[in-house]
Amino acid sequence: MALQATPYTLPLVVCGFAFAVFAVHLARQWNEQSRDVQYAIPLLLATAVWMLGYAAELSVTTTDAQLLFAKIEYAGNVTAPLLWFTFVLSYLGYDDLLDRRWRLALAVPPVVTYALVVTYPATTLVWTSTETISKGGFVALHTGHGPVFYAFMVYIYALVAVSMWLLARRLAAGASIYRRQTTGLLVGAFVPAVAGLVYISGANPFPAVNLPALAFIVTAGAVAWSVARNELFRLAPVAWETVVQEFDSAVFVLDDADRVVTANPAGRELAAAAVGAHAGEALTPALGGDCWRRSGQHECDAFRDGERHVFEVSVASVERGTSRLGRTVTVRDVTERHAREQRLEEFANVVSHDLRNPLNVAKGNLELGRERGDDDHFEETADALDRMERIIDDLLTLAREERAERDHATVSLAATARTAWQLVDATDANGTLEVGGDRELAADETALLRLLENLFRNAVEHGSASPALQARQDAVEHGSPDGLTASDDVAADGSHSAVAVRVGATEDGFFVADDGPGIPMDEREQVFDRGYTTNDEGTGFGLAIVEQIAGAHDWTVALAESEDGGARFEFTVE
């Protein structure tokens, strides 16, 4: 059997052996969890058979020898398209779409076609004729094609078209490393597909030369690039089709080696999770621990930018059949929800304590009133019930303020302050209001009204013990060189002088001040706590409501001492 040298033989042999060696390498490293590799190994071997068989066909000169190697080569030719299709489905996570019946049905055309090739010349449905022709200094086998050949081409290009469409979708939506992987796969499939069309169309510039087989040289280069630069066959997409990119929650997909396969935008914002990085390097610092390793749902704490955050972490295994491919990690920042739950618990404790005291007073006085018939006990019972009503009203206000939707508008500070004072004054509050400079605020008018009303009530309820007021009253009682009179400082019914409340604008907000007794330094951090009060008749929720309304407007509130020694609440709104 005479041999010949052609310009195509060496590249075909080199690339064919490269495919075969790489298939063996993958087989040694393969485990059942890597389903895409399971299909990549026979695909590489089929391509190697196709290329090495054609190299052998080009190396001999007799028709019988060339026909023999052509039949061997066809074993790879007919199986490679189906193997390519199943590999793409597995790579993209769609292989479960093909059940056993579909796989058997898709395997029928390759089996039938190869059987007709092997039995040539007894059958001529694939090859109608064969001859050896001389071409450019070497001889090559030329085959005529029958109806089954062209039907098989339709089958092949249907599989190629669907697989390339799926890859193009992945190219548009995948993470950067997957876009590069997909680009390599598309190039590796596109070049042989175009070469095949040229080959069967009759426009082949090299008659009797198998262009698709030669095009696999380009495919070999694309695969080598994807393996070396983009971790093809080592880092495959896992479960990404189940993840919505627009999720507010951070979502990470890890492979079976706990490497980050991909992350949605929220995940990339939460953690610097580069594709291929180990989750221990990316997620552990962001979550404050290895809670991403534990399956199920749990919470973990982390400090970010000096603030404590609570994360709800949900970890689920990604499986195909009985094989585990990796895991998905979904992270939600539940810091605000956690704070609300803590406030609710705090609420319950305050309610149980603050309502129980007046309830016990009411019950005790009611029993005494029944036994003795003394109206004073019934009056004390009514006072206790009134206190309970005030506590309940304040609790409802707090609850409504927390979930209220704000309708911001431009509001006058001075006008709102006067309206709030009228509401306080209607309850016979003993005080006076002075409004200084006005300013316009972007605020919910109803909420601002409630904020000012609570501050005014706090001032008049705590102002009767003011040293300044007491000094002025003493001056009236004992005479004063400044000419103060009882009518100036003592009400007609003999009650103490009115508490003076002042509202005004500042450079960056506004203030509310009074000339009452003020708030000691060691109590200023506590006055905004829910249920905290130094007044037996107070509910302890007024200033908590003030702070909550301010926070809802993104304002800050600070407590200081007024010029008259009373309390001064300063609000920063800019």
Protein backbone atom coordinates (compact mmCIF):
# COMPACT_ATOMS: atom_id res chain seq x y z
CA MET A 1 0.00 0.00 0.00
CA ALA A 2 1.67 3.18 -1.26
CA LEU A 3 1.78 6.24 0.97
CA GLN A 4 1.75 9.93 0.12
CA ALA A 5 2.37 13.24 1.86
CA THR A 6 -0.14 16.11 1.76
CA PRO A 7 -0.11 19.61 3.25
CA TYR A 8 -3.09 18.65 5.42
CA THR A 9 -1.87 15.41 6.96
CA LEU A 10 0.41 16.76 9.71
CA PRO A 11 -2.04 19.37 11.09
CA LEU A 12 -4.81 16.75 11.08
CA VAL A 13 -2.64 14.23 12.94
CA VAL A 14 -1.42 16.78 15.50
CA CYS A 15 -4.92 18.10 16.25
CA GLY A 16 -6.48 14.61 16.19
CA PHE A 17 -3.98 13.31 18.73
CA ALA A 18 -4.44 16.46 20.81
CA PHE A 19 -8.19 15.81 21.02
CA ALA A 20 -7.57 12.17 21.95
CA VAL A 21 -4.98 12.99 24.63
CA PHE A 22 -7.18 15.67 26.13
CA ALA A 23 -10.13 13.25 26.22
CA VAL A 24 -8.01 10.77 28.17
CA HIS A 25 -6.90 13.57 30.52
CA LEU A 26 -10.50 14.56 31.21
CA ALA A 27 -11.50 10.93 31.74
CA ARG A 28 -8.86 10.56 34.45
CA GLN A 29 -10.09 13.65 36.27
CA TRP A 30 -13.79 13.15 35.63
CA ASN A 31 -16.25 12.49 38.41
CA GLU A 32 -19.96 11.81 38.17
CA GLN A 33 -20.81 15.32 39.30
CA SER A 34 -19.37 16.86 36.09
CA ARG A 35 -22.08 15.97 33.62
CA ASP A 36 -20.84 18.31 30.87
CA VAL A 37 -17.45 16.54 30.97
CA GLN A 38 -19.27 13.23 30.67
CA TYR A 39 -20.43 14.29 27.20
CA ALA A 40 -17.26 16.21 26.32
CA ILE A 41 -15.07 13.06 26.51
CA PRO A 42 -16.88 11.07 23.76
CA LEU A 43 -17.24 14.29 21.72
CA LEU A 44 -13.47 14.82 21.77
CA LEU A 45 -12.85 11.17 20.92
CA ALA A 46 -15.32 11.27 18.02
CA THR A 47 -13.61 14.39 16.68
CA ALA A 48 -10.23 12.68 17.04
CA VAL A 49 -11.48 9.64 15.07
CA TRP A 50 -12.84 11.93 12.36
CA MET A 51 -9.56 13.88 12.00
CA LEU A 52 -7.17 10.91 12.34
CA GLY A 53 -9.30 8.81 10.01
CA TYR A 54 -9.20 11.54 7.38
CA ALA A 55 -5.44 11.98 7.88
CA ALA A 56 -5.03 8.24 7.24
CA GLU A 57 -7.29 8.48 4.17
CA LEU A 58 -5.11 11.25 2.74
CA SER A 59 -1.93 9.27 3.48
CA VAL A 60 -2.78 6.29 1.21
CA THR A 61 -3.16 6.22 -2.56
CA THR A 62 -5.36 3.24 -3.44
CA THR A 63 -9.12 3.49 -3.65
CA ASP A 64 -9.72 0.45 -1.42
CA ALA A 65 -7.41 1.77 1.32
CA GLN A 66 -8.92 5.23 1.14
CA LEU A 67 -12.44 3.76 1.27
CA LEU A 68 -11.52 1.71 4.35
CA PHE A 69 -10.25 4.76 6.27
CA ALA A 70 -13.22 6.82 5.05
CA LYS A 71 -15.56 4.29 6.69
CA ILE A 72 -13.53 4.45 9.92
CA GLU A 73 -13.56 8.24 9.75
CA TYR A 74 -17.35 8.22 9.37
CA ALA A 75 -17.74 6.72 12.86
CA GLY A 76 -16.66 10.09 14.20
CA ASN A 77 -18.45 12.02 11.47
CA VAL A 78 -21.94 10.71 12.27
CA THR A 79 -21.64 10.77 16.08
CA ALA A 80 -19.94 14.14 16.64
CA PRO A 81 -23.03 16.32 15.87
CA LEU A 82 -25.26 14.48 18.38
CA LEU A 83 -22.51 14.45 20.99
CA TRP A 84 -21.98 18.17 20.42
CA PHE A 85 -25.70 18.82 20.92
CA THR A 86 -25.87 16.84 24.18
CA PHE A 87 -22.69 18.51 25.44
CA VAL A 88 -24.14 22.00 24.85
CA LEU A 89 -27.37 21.07 26.65
CA SER A 90 -25.39 19.73 29.61
CA TYR A 91 -23.03 22.71 29.66
CA LEU A 92 -26.00 25.08 29.84
CA GLY A 93 -27.90 22.96 32.37
CA TYR A 94 -30.62 21.75 29.97
CA ASP A 95 -29.66 18.10 29.61
CA ASP A 96 -32.64 17.00 31.71
CA LEU A 97 -34.85 18.15 28.83
CA LEU A 98 -33.82 15.04 26.92
CA ASP A 99 -35.19 11.90 28.51
CA ARG A 100 -34.18 8.39 27.46
CA ARG A 101 -36.74 8.18 24.67
CA TRP A 102 -35.57 11.42 23.09
CA ARG A 103 -31.95 10.32 23.24
CA LEU A 104 -32.77 7.04 21.56
CA ALA A 105 -34.79 8.83 18.88
CA LEU A 106 -31.95 11.27 18.15
CA ALA A 107 -29.49 8.38 17.97
CA VAL A 108 -31.42 6.63 15.15
CA PRO A 109 -30.21 8.84 12.21
CA PRO A 110 -26.48 8.45 13.04
CA VAL A 111 -26.82 4.67 13.51
CA VAL A 112 -28.75 4.20 10.26
CA THR A 113 -26.41 6.46 8.30
CA TYR A 114 -23.30 4.69 9.55
CA ALA A 115 -24.80 1.29 8.81
CA LEU A 116 -25.41 2.37 5.20
CA VAL A 117 -21.84 3.71 4.96
CA VAL A 118 -20.32 0.48 6.26
CA THR A 119 -22.37 -1.64 3.82
CA TYR A 120 -21.34 0.38 0.78
CA PRO A 121 -21.24 -0.58 -2.09
CA ALA A 122 -24.05 -3.03 -1.29
CA THR A 123 -26.13 0.03 -0.43
CA THR A 124 -25.85 3.38 -2.18
CA LEU A 125 -28.19 5.60 -0.19
CA VAL A 126 -25.34 7.56 1.44
CA TRP A 127 -22.54 7.12 -1.07
CA THR A 128 -23.63 6.56 -4.64
CA SER A 129 -20.11 6.22 -6.04
CA THR A 130 -16.43 6.53 -5.08
CA GLU A 131 -13.35 7.32 -7.15
CA THR A 132 -9.76 8.41 -6.63
CA ILE A 133 -8.82 11.67 -8.29
CA SER A 134 -5.56 13.56 -8.51
CA LYS A 135 -5.45 16.92 -6.79
CA GLY A 136 -2.46 19.23 -6.46
CA GLY A 137 0.26 16.57 -6.34
CA PHE A 138 -1.68 13.98 -4.32
CA VAL A 139 -4.66 11.72 -4.84
CA ALA A 140 -7.92 11.93 -2.87
CA LEU A 141 -11.16 9.99 -2.58
CA HIS A 142 -14.19 11.59 -4.18
CA THR A 143 -17.67 10.34 -3.23
CA GLY A 144 -21.05 10.89 -4.79
CA HIS A 145 -23.90 11.51 -2.34
CA GLY A 146 -27.32 9.88 -2.13
CA PRO A 147 -30.63 10.93 -0.54
CA VAL A 148 -29.84 9.66 2.97
CA PHE A 149 -26.68 11.77 2.99
CA TYR A 150 -28.64 14.97 2.37
CA ALA A 151 -31.34 13.98 4.86
CA PHE A 152 -28.62 13.39 7.42
CA MET A 153 -27.19 16.86 6.68
CA VAL A 154 -30.59 18.38 7.53
CA TYR A 155 -30.53 16.45 10.82
CA ILE A 156 -26.99 17.65 11.60
CA TYR A 157 -27.67 21.32 10.88
CA ALA A 158 -30.88 21.26 12.91
CA LEU A 159 -28.86 20.13 15.94
CA VAL A 160 -26.12 22.67 15.21
CA ALA A 161 -28.62 25.53 14.79
CA VAL A 162 -30.41 24.81 18.09
CA SER A 163 -27.16 24.42 20.04
CA MET A 164 -25.67 27.63 18.61
CA TRP A 165 -28.87 29.55 19.39
CA LEU A 166 -28.69 28.37 23.00
CA LEU A 167 -25.03 29.35 23.20
CA ALA A 168 -25.81 32.77 21.75
CA ARG A 169 -28.38 33.29 24.54
CA ARG A 170 -25.74 32.36 27.09
CA LEU A 171 -23.30 34.75 25.45
CA ALA A 172 -25.72 37.64 25.96
CA ALA A 173 -26.57 36.86 29.59
CA GLY A 174 -23.56 35.10 31.10
CA ALA A 175 -20.81 36.35 33.39
CA SER A 176 -17.58 37.51 31.75
CA ILE A 177 -15.72 34.20 32.02
CA TYR A 178 -18.72 32.36 30.57
CA ARG A 179 -18.97 34.80 27.71
CA ARG A 180 -15.38 33.94 26.83
CA GLN A 181 -16.05 30.22 27.20
CA THR A 182 -19.15 30.50 25.04
CA THR A 183 -17.33 32.53 22.42
CA GLY A 184 -14.74 29.76 22.11
CA LEU A 185 -17.46 27.13 21.75
CA LEU A 186 -19.34 29.17 19.16
CA VAL A 187 -16.20 29.72 17.07
CA GLY A 188 -15.28 26.04 17.39
CA ALA A 189 -18.72 25.02 16.07
CA PHE A 190 -19.29 27.79 13.54
CA VAL A 191 -16.20 27.21 11.38
CA PRO A 192 -16.84 23.46 10.72
CA ALA A 193 -20.55 24.22 10.16
CA VAL A 194 -19.77 26.79 7.46
CA ALA A 195 -17.13 24.51 5.96
CA GLY A 196 -19.71 21.70 5.77
CA LEU A 197 -22.17 23.93 3.93
CA VAL A 198 -19.49 24.85 1.42
CA TYR A 199 -18.55 21.18 1.05
CA ILE A 200 -22.08 19.92 0.27
CA SER A 201 -23.09 22.93 -1.85
CA GLY A 202 -20.73 22.05 -4.68
CA ALA A 203 -18.79 25.31 -4.22
CA ASN A 204 -15.83 23.56 -2.59
CA PRO A 205 -12.65 25.29 -3.85
CA PHE A 206 -10.74 22.07 -3.10
CA PRO A 207 -12.72 19.22 -4.73
CA ALA A 208 -12.44 15.87 -2.93
CA VAL A 209 -11.02 17.61 0.17
CA ASN A 210 -13.13 17.14 3.32
CA LEU A 211 -13.42 20.77 4.46
CA PRO A 212 -15.29 20.08 7.75
CA ALA A 213 -12.49 17.78 8.90
CA LEU A 214 -9.91 20.44 8.13
CA ALA A 215 -12.04 23.08 9.87
CA PHE A 216 -11.68 21.13 13.10
CA ILE A 217 -8.10 22.41 13.20
CA VAL A 218 -9.63 25.82 14.02
CA THR A 219 -11.91 24.12 16.55
CA ALA A 220 -8.86 22.61 18.24
CA GLY A 221 -7.39 26.08 18.64
CA ALA A 222 -10.64 27.49 20.07
CA VAL A 223 -10.93 24.63 22.57
CA ALA A 224 -7.30 25.01 23.61
CA TRP A 225 -7.83 28.74 24.19
CA SER A 226 -10.98 28.14 26.23
CA VAL A 227 -9.30 25.48 28.36
CA ALA A 228 -6.12 27.47 28.98
CA ARG A 229 -7.65 30.92 29.52
CA ASN A 230 -11.26 30.36 30.55
CA GLU A 231 -11.28 27.06 32.49
CA LEU A 232 -13.54 25.23 30.03
CA PHE A 233 -14.54 21.80 31.42
CA ARG A 234 -13.49 22.93 34.90
CA LEU A 235 -15.81 25.86 35.65
CA ALA A 236 -19.18 25.24 34.05
CA PRO A 237 -22.40 27.20 34.60
CA VAL A 238 -24.46 25.78 37.45
CA ALA A 239 -28.16 26.53 38.06
CA TRP A 240 -27.94 30.12 36.80
CA GLU A 241 -31.16 29.83 34.85
CA THR A 242 -32.98 29.53 38.20
CA VAL A 243 -31.58 32.85 39.43
CA VAL A 244 -33.25 36.11 38.52
CA GLN A 245 -30.65 38.78 37.83
CA GLU A 246 -32.89 41.49 39.22
CA PHE A 247 -33.24 39.92 42.67
CA ASP A 248 -32.82 42.42 45.49
CA SER A 249 -31.24 39.58 47.44
CA ALA A 250 -27.61 38.74 46.78
CA VAL A 251 -27.29 35.37 45.03
CA PHE A 252 -24.12 33.35 44.55
CA VAL A 253 -23.69 30.07 42.69
CA LEU A 254 -20.82 27.87 43.85
CA ASP A 255 -19.49 24.74 42.17
CA ASP A 256 -18.70 21.51 44.00
CA ALA A 257 -15.26 22.88 44.94
CA ASP A 258 -16.88 25.97 46.58
CA ARG A 259 -15.59 28.29 43.88
CA VAL A 260 -17.79 31.21 42.86
CA VAL A 261 -19.37 30.36 39.53
CA THR A 262 -21.30 33.59 39.23
CA ALA A 263 -23.20 36.20 41.22
CA ASN A 264 -26.05 38.57 40.46
CA PRO A 265 -25.53 42.36 40.69
CA ALA A 266 -26.66 42.47 44.32
CA GLY A 267 -24.15 39.74 45.12
CA ARG A 268 -21.31 41.57 43.43
CA GLU A 269 -22.23 44.68 45.42
CA LEU A 270 -22.22 42.75 48.70
CA ALA A 271 -18.96 40.87 48.17
CA ALA A 272 -16.00 41.23 45.85
CA ALA A 273 -16.72 37.75 44.47
CA ALA A 274 -14.58 37.26 41.38
CA VAL A 275 -15.56 34.30 39.23
CA GLY A 276 -13.36 31.35 40.13
CA ALA A 277 -12.47 32.73 43.59
CA HIS A 278 -12.98 30.46 46.56
CA ALA A 279 -16.07 31.34 48.58
CA GLY A 280 -13.98 31.46 51.74
CA GLU A 281 -12.12 34.45 50.32
CA ALA A 282 -15.19 36.20 48.94
CA LEU A 283 -18.16 35.42 51.19
CA THR A 284 -16.61 34.83 54.60
CA PRO A 285 -15.39 38.45 55.06
CA ALA A 286 -18.68 39.87 53.76
CA LEU A 287 -20.86 37.71 56.00
CA GLY A 288 -18.63 37.74 59.06
CA GLY A 289 -18.14 33.97 59.06
CA ASP A 290 -18.58 30.68 57.20
CA CYS A 291 -22.37 30.56 57.53
CA TRP A 292 -22.55 30.04 53.73
CA ARG A 293 -21.28 26.49 54.27
CA ARG A 294 -24.31 25.30 56.27
CA SER A 295 -27.33 24.08 54.36
CA GLY A 296 -30.71 25.55 55.22
CA GLN A 297 -31.66 29.02 56.41
CA HIS A 298 -29.98 30.89 59.24
CA GLU A 299 -28.78 34.33 60.30
CA CYS A 300 -25.29 35.71 60.74
CA ASP A 301 -23.90 39.05 61.92
CA ALA A 302 -21.25 41.15 60.25
CA PHE A 303 -19.85 44.64 60.71
CA ARG A 304 -19.70 46.75 57.55
CA ASP A 305 -18.42 50.32 57.63
CA GLY A 306 -18.54 50.21 61.41
CA GLU A 307 -22.22 49.24 61.55
CA ARG A 308 -23.72 45.91 62.58
CA HIS A 309 -25.68 44.12 59.85
CA VAL A 310 -27.82 41.02 60.19
CA PHE A 311 -27.95 38.73 57.15
CA GLU A 312 -30.41 35.95 56.46
CA VAL A 313 -28.50 33.27 54.56
CA SER A 314 -30.21 30.49 52.64
CA VAL A 315 -28.02 27.69 51.27
CA ALA A 316 -29.41 25.07 48.88
CA SER A 317 -27.66 22.20 47.14
CA VAL A 318 -27.67 22.09 43.33
CA GLU A 319 -28.14 18.57 42.09
CA ARG A 320 -28.75 16.68 38.87
CA GLY A 321 -30.22 13.31 39.59
CA THR A 322 -28.12 11.83 42.37
CA SER A 323 -25.09 14.02 41.62
CA ARG A 324 -24.31 17.16 43.61
CA LEU A 325 -22.94 19.96 41.41
CA GLY A 326 -22.61 22.80 43.88
CA ARG A 327 -24.78 25.11 45.92
CA THR A 328 -26.65 28.38 45.70
CA VAL A 329 -26.23 30.94 48.47
CA THR A 330 -28.93 33.60 48.82
CA VAL A 331 -28.23 36.49 51.20
CA ARG A 332 -30.75 39.06 52.41
CA ASP A 333 -29.88 42.02 54.57
CA VAL A 334 -32.52 41.84 57.32
CA THR A 335 -30.96 44.45 59.58
CA GLU A 336 -34.05 46.68 59.49
CA ARG A 337 -36.41 43.76 60.04
CA HIS A 338 -34.29 42.57 62.93
CA ALA A 339 -34.39 46.06 64.45
CA ARG A 340 -38.18 46.13 64.07
CA GLU A 341 -38.47 42.77 65.81
CA GLN A 342 -36.31 44.06 68.65
CA ARG A 343 -38.48 47.16 68.91
CA LEU A 344 -41.57 44.97 68.96
CA GLU A 345 -40.15 42.93 71.83
CA GLU A 346 -39.19 46.13 73.60
CA PHE A 347 -42.70 47.41 72.93
CA ALA A 348 -44.25 44.35 74.50
CA ASN A 349 -42.10 44.68 77.61
CA VAL A 350 -42.97 48.35 78.01
CA VAL A 351 -46.67 47.74 77.47
CA SER A 352 -46.81 44.89 79.95
CA HIS A 353 -45.05 47.03 82.56
CA ASP A 354 -46.60 50.46 81.98
CA LEU A 355 -50.17 49.26 81.56
CA ARG A 356 -50.01 46.89 84.51
CA ASN A 357 -49.25 49.67 87.01
CA PRO A 358 -52.31 51.87 86.31
CA LEU A 359 -54.42 48.76 85.88
CA ASN A 360 -53.47 47.61 89.40
CA VAL A 361 -54.19 51.11 90.73
CA ALA A 362 -57.60 51.14 89.07
CA LYS A 363 -58.53 47.69 90.36
CA GLY A 364 -57.38 48.49 93.91
CA ASN A 365 -59.24 51.77 94.09
CA LEU A 366 -62.34 50.24 92.55
CA GLU A 367 -62.43 47.59 95.27
CA LEU A 368 -61.86 50.20 97.99
CA GLY A 369 -64.57 52.40 96.51
CA ARG A 370 -67.03 49.54 96.55
CA GLU A 371 -66.17 48.66 100.15
CA ARG A 372 -66.16 52.19 101.57
CA GLY A 373 -68.33 54.15 99.16
CA ASP A 374 -65.67 56.90 99.00
CA ASP A 375 -65.85 58.91 95.75
CA ASP A 376 -62.12 59.73 95.95
CA HIS A 377 -61.31 56.13 95.11
CA PHE A 378 -63.47 56.30 92.01
CA GLU A 379 -61.70 59.49 90.94
CA GLU A 380 -58.33 57.77 91.32
CA THR A 381 -59.70 54.85 89.30
CA ALA A 382 -60.74 57.26 86.54
CA ASP A 383 -57.27 58.88 86.60
CA ALA A 384 -55.62 55.46 86.23
CA LEU A 385 -57.89 54.60 83.32
CA ASP A 386 -57.10 57.97 81.71
CA ARG A 387 -53.40 57.18 81.99
CA MET A 388 -53.97 53.80 80.36
CA GLU A 389 -55.83 55.50 77.54
CA ARG A 390 -52.93 57.92 76.98
CA ILE A 391 -50.44 55.04 76.89
CA ILE A 392 -52.57 53.17 74.36
CA ASP A 393 -52.94 56.31 72.21
CA ASP A 394 -49.18 56.85 72.21
CA LEU A 395 -48.54 53.21 71.36
CA LEU A 396 -50.92 53.44 68.42
CA THR A 397 -49.20 56.61 67.28
CA LEU A 398 -45.80 54.92 67.38
CA ALA A 399 -47.08 51.93 65.43
CA ARG A 400 -48.75 54.09 62.79
CA GLU A 401 -45.76 56.38 62.42
CA GLU A 402 -43.46 53.42 61.80
CA ARG A 403 -45.37 52.17 58.77
CA ALA A 404 -46.92 55.43 57.57
CA GLU A 405 -46.29 56.56 54.00
CA ARG A 406 -44.99 60.12 53.99
CA ASP A 407 -46.62 62.74 51.82
CA HIS A 408 -43.91 65.39 51.75
CA ALA A 409 -44.77 68.97 50.87
CA THR A 410 -43.40 72.44 51.57
CA VAL A 411 -44.57 73.32 55.07
CA SER A 412 -44.18 76.50 57.14
CA LEU A 413 -42.52 75.86 60.50
CA ALA A 414 -44.16 78.87 62.15
CA ALA A 415 -47.69 78.11 60.96
CA THR A 416 -47.43 74.45 61.93
CA ALA A 417 -46.05 75.38 65.38
CA ARG A 418 -49.00 77.70 66.06
CA THR A 419 -51.48 75.01 65.01
CA ALA A 420 -49.76 72.43 67.25
CA TRP A 421 -49.83 74.88 70.18
CA GLN A 422 -53.56 75.40 69.76
CA LEU A 423 -54.04 71.65 70.14
CA VAL A 424 -51.95 71.63 73.32
CA ASP A 425 -53.55 74.81 74.68
CA ALA A 426 -57.00 73.31 74.19
CA THR A 427 -56.20 70.86 77.00
CA ASP A 428 -55.64 73.74 79.46
CA ALA A 429 -51.89 73.50 79.20
CA ASN A 430 -50.14 76.09 81.37
CA GLY A 431 -47.68 77.71 78.98
CA THR A 432 -46.92 80.32 76.34
CA LEU A 433 -45.52 80.00 72.83
CA GLU A 434 -43.07 82.33 71.12
CA VAL A 435 -42.31 81.74 67.42
CA GLY A 436 -39.03 83.15 66.17
CA GLY A 437 -37.79 83.04 62.60
CA ASP A 438 -39.76 80.94 60.13
CA ARG A 439 -38.46 78.52 57.52
CA GLU A 440 -40.00 76.20 54.99
CA LEU A 441 -39.54 72.48 55.50
CA ALA A 442 -39.97 69.54 53.13
CA ALA A 443 -42.09 67.44 55.46
CA ASP A 444 -45.27 65.52 55.99
CA GLU A 445 -47.43 68.22 57.61
CA THR A 446 -49.41 65.81 59.78
CA ALA A 447 -46.24 64.17 61.09
CA LEU A 448 -44.56 67.54 61.75
CA LEU A 449 -47.66 68.67 63.62
CA ARG A 450 -47.49 65.57 65.83
CA LEU A 451 -43.75 66.06 66.45
CA LEU A 452 -44.24 69.66 67.64
CA GLU A 453 -47.32 68.76 69.67
CA ASN A 454 -45.37 66.08 71.57
CA LEU A 455 -42.50 68.47 72.27
CA PHE A 456 -44.90 71.15 73.54
CA ARG A 457 -46.70 68.68 75.82
CA ASN A 458 -43.38 67.46 77.14
CA ALA A 459 -42.39 71.04 77.98
CA VAL A 460 -45.58 72.01 79.82
CA GLU A 461 -45.90 68.68 81.66
CA HIS A 462 -42.35 68.87 83.03
CA GLY A 463 -42.10 72.63 83.44
CA SER A 464 -43.89 73.26 86.73
CA ALA A 465 -40.76 72.58 88.76
CA SER A 466 -38.60 75.05 86.80
CA PRO A 467 -36.12 76.91 89.04
CA ALA A 468 -36.53 80.00 86.89
CA LEU A 469 -40.28 79.95 87.27
CA GLN A 470 -40.01 79.30 90.98
CA ALA A 471 -37.62 82.27 91.33
CA ARG A 472 -40.04 84.55 89.52
CA GLN A 473 -42.91 83.31 91.71
CA ASP A 474 -40.82 84.00 94.86
CA ALA A 475 -40.11 87.49 93.56
CA VAL A 476 -43.82 88.13 93.18
CA GLU A 477 -44.58 86.82 96.66
CA HIS A 478 -41.86 88.83 98.39
CA GLY A 479 -41.79 91.89 96.19
CA SER A 480 -39.42 92.59 93.31
CA PRO A 481 -37.30 95.58 92.40
CA ASP A 482 -38.14 94.91 88.74
CA GLY A 483 -41.80 95.57 89.39
CA LEU A 484 -43.12 92.10 88.65
CA THR A 485 -46.74 91.61 89.61
CA ALA A 486 -48.80 88.60 90.44
CA SER A 487 -50.86 89.15 87.38
CA ASP A 488 -47.73 88.79 85.30
CA ASP A 489 -46.60 85.44 86.70
CA VAL A 490 -49.43 83.83 88.59
CA ALA A 491 -52.63 82.73 86.95
CA ALA A 492 -55.98 83.88 88.27
CA ASP A 493 -56.57 80.51 89.87
CA GLY A 494 -53.29 80.74 91.73
CA SER A 495 -51.41 78.24 89.58
CA HIS A 496 -47.71 78.62 88.82
CA SER A 497 -46.41 80.87 86.05
CA ALA A 498 -46.68 79.61 82.47
CA VAL A 499 -43.83 77.68 80.88
CA ALA A 500 -42.35 79.65 77.99
CA VAL A 501 -41.81 77.58 74.84
CA ARG A 502 -39.87 79.00 71.90
CA VAL A 503 -39.67 77.72 68.32
CA GLY A 504 -37.25 79.10 65.76
CA ALA A 505 -35.17 78.42 62.66
CA THR A 506 -31.45 77.66 62.58
CA GLU A 507 -28.98 77.62 59.70
CA ASP A 508 -29.49 73.92 59.08
CA GLY A 509 -32.88 73.23 60.64
CA PHE A 510 -34.98 74.38 63.58
CA PHE A 511 -35.21 74.16 67.37
CA VAL A 512 -37.80 73.88 70.14
CA ALA A 513 -36.71 75.23 73.55
CA ASP A 514 -38.35 75.91 76.90
CA ASP A 515 -37.45 77.55 80.22
CA GLY A 516 -38.44 74.54 82.30
CA PRO A 517 -36.17 72.53 84.61
CA GLY A 518 -34.20 71.04 81.75
CA ILE A 519 -32.88 67.49 81.46
CA PRO A 520 -29.82 66.38 83.44
CA MET A 521 -26.79 65.31 81.39
CA ASP A 522 -26.90 61.73 82.66
CA GLU A 523 -30.53 61.32 81.46
CA ARG A 524 -30.25 62.84 77.98
CA GLU A 525 -29.38 59.56 76.26
CA GLN A 526 -32.38 57.84 77.83
CA VAL A 527 -35.17 60.33 77.18
CA PHE A 528 -35.80 58.99 73.67
CA ASP A 529 -36.18 55.41 74.92
CA ARG A 530 -39.68 54.05 74.72
CA GLY A 531 -41.42 54.07 78.06
CA TYR A 532 -38.84 56.28 79.79
CA THR A 533 -40.37 59.07 81.89
CA THR A 534 -39.72 60.93 85.15
CA ASN A 535 -43.33 62.12 85.39
CA ASP A 536 -45.77 59.86 87.17
CA GLU A 537 -48.50 61.02 84.80
CA GLY A 538 -46.41 60.69 81.63
CA THR A 539 -46.48 57.76 79.21
CA GLY A 540 -42.80 57.75 78.26
CA PHE A 541 -43.56 57.58 74.52
CA GLY A 542 -43.76 61.26 73.54
CA LEU A 543 -40.08 61.80 72.80
CA ALA A 544 -39.78 58.33 71.22
CA ILE A 545 -42.45 59.47 68.75
CA VAL A 546 -40.49 62.68 68.13
CA GLU A 547 -37.31 60.74 67.33
CA GLN A 548 -39.18 58.32 65.08
CA ILE A 549 -40.82 61.09 63.05
CA ALA A 550 -37.48 62.88 62.70
CA GLY A 551 -35.81 59.69 61.52
CA ALA A 552 -38.58 59.08 58.97
CA HIS A 553 -37.74 62.48 57.47
CA ASP A 554 -33.98 61.75 57.55
CA TRP A 555 -33.56 64.46 60.15
CA THR A 556 -31.30 64.22 63.18
CA VAL A 557 -32.35 65.44 66.62
CA ALA A 558 -29.99 66.51 69.39
CA LEU A 559 -30.78 67.50 72.96
CA ALA A 560 -29.05 70.48 74.57
CA GLU A 561 -29.69 73.10 77.26
CA SER A 562 -31.62 76.25 76.42
CA GLU A 563 -30.46 79.76 77.36
CA ASP A 564 -32.93 79.71 80.26
CA GLY A 565 -31.64 76.38 81.59
CA GLY A 566 -34.48 74.34 80.12
CA ALA A 567 -34.47 71.73 77.35
CA ARG A 568 -33.57 72.59 73.75
CA PHE A 569 -34.26 70.10 70.95
CA GLU A 570 -32.26 70.89 67.81
CA PHE A 571 -33.23 69.36 64.44
CA THR A 572 -30.86 69.19 61.50
CA VAL A 573 -32.75 68.86 58.22
CA GLU A 574 -29.99 69.54 55.67
